[in-house]
Amino acid sequence: MIFLEIENDLESYWEAIKVLGLPDKFPGTKLSTIQHNDWGNEFFLHDPAGNLWHFGIFN
């Protein structure tokens, strides 16, 4: 698991990754929607190698 803290505008990062169409290009890749938590927001990317990427911003 890898956590990348985003300083601002998590939505722009999500959009930039979404337009790449990774789940269509690489079997096993999954991109979640943005989850809103009490501590901040995050989304997840499962890559083809099985790594789980967390992209998040703290409140």
Protein backbone atom coordinates (compact mmCIF):
# COMPACT_ATOMS: atom_id res chain seq x y z
CA MET A 1 0.00 0.00 0.00
CA ILE A 2 1.21 3.47 -0.90
CA PHE A 3 -0.31 6.70 0.45
CA LEU A 4 0.19 9.92 -1.49
CA GLU A 5 -0.85 13.03 0.40
CA ILE A 6 -2.24 15.71 -1.89
CA GLU A 7 -1.85 19.30 -0.71
CA ASN A 8 -4.96 20.61 -2.48
CA ASP A 9 -7.56 19.83 -5.14
CA LEU A 10 -7.89 16.08 -4.85
CA GLU A 11 -10.64 16.19 -7.46
CA SER A 12 -8.16 17.33 -10.14
CA TYR A 13 -5.89 14.38 -9.38
CA TRP A 14 -8.85 11.99 -9.58
CA GLU A 15 -9.97 13.47 -12.92
CA ALA A 16 -6.42 13.27 -14.33
CA ILE A 17 -6.19 9.58 -13.45
CA LYS A 18 -9.73 8.81 -14.58
CA VAL A 19 -9.22 10.19 -18.11
CA LEU A 20 -6.30 7.78 -18.58
CA GLY A 21 -8.82 4.91 -18.73
CA LEU A 22 -6.50 2.59 -16.83
CA PRO A 23 -9.15 -0.05 -15.96
CA ASP A 24 -9.91 -0.41 -19.68
CA LYS A 25 -6.23 -0.67 -20.65
CA PHE A 26 -4.92 -2.88 -17.85
CA PRO A 27 -6.92 -5.84 -16.53
CA GLY A 28 -7.17 -5.89 -12.75
CA THR A 29 -6.85 -2.13 -12.39
CA LYS A 30 -9.60 -0.44 -10.36
CA LEU A 31 -10.22 3.23 -9.62
CA SER A 32 -12.59 4.19 -6.82
CA THR A 33 -14.63 7.32 -6.45
CA ILE A 34 -13.58 9.93 -3.90
CA GLN A 35 -14.52 8.91 -0.37
CA HIS A 36 -15.36 11.69 2.09
CA ASN A 37 -14.22 10.93 5.65
CA ASP A 38 -14.21 12.97 8.85
CA TRP A 39 -10.39 13.26 8.71
CA GLY A 40 -10.21 14.14 4.98
CA ASN A 41 -10.94 12.72 1.53
CA GLU A 42 -9.31 9.94 -0.48
CA PHE A 43 -9.59 7.69 -3.47
CA PHE A 44 -7.95 4.39 -4.31
CA LEU A 45 -6.21 2.94 -7.32
CA HIS A 46 -5.48 -0.79 -7.51
CA ASP A 47 -2.74 -1.28 -10.08
CA PRO A 48 -2.17 -4.43 -12.19
CA ALA A 49 0.70 -5.53 -9.94
CA GLY A 50 -1.63 -5.65 -6.93
CA ASN A 51 -0.44 -2.43 -5.29
CA LEU A 52 -3.05 -0.30 -3.58
CA TRP A 53 -2.51 3.43 -4.03
CA HIS A 54 -4.26 5.84 -1.66
CA PHE A 55 -4.48 9.45 -2.81
CA GLY A 56 -5.68 11.65 0.03
CA ILE A 57 -6.00 15.09 1.48
CA PHE A 58 -6.30 15.82 5.20
CA ASN A 59 -8.72 18.42 6.57
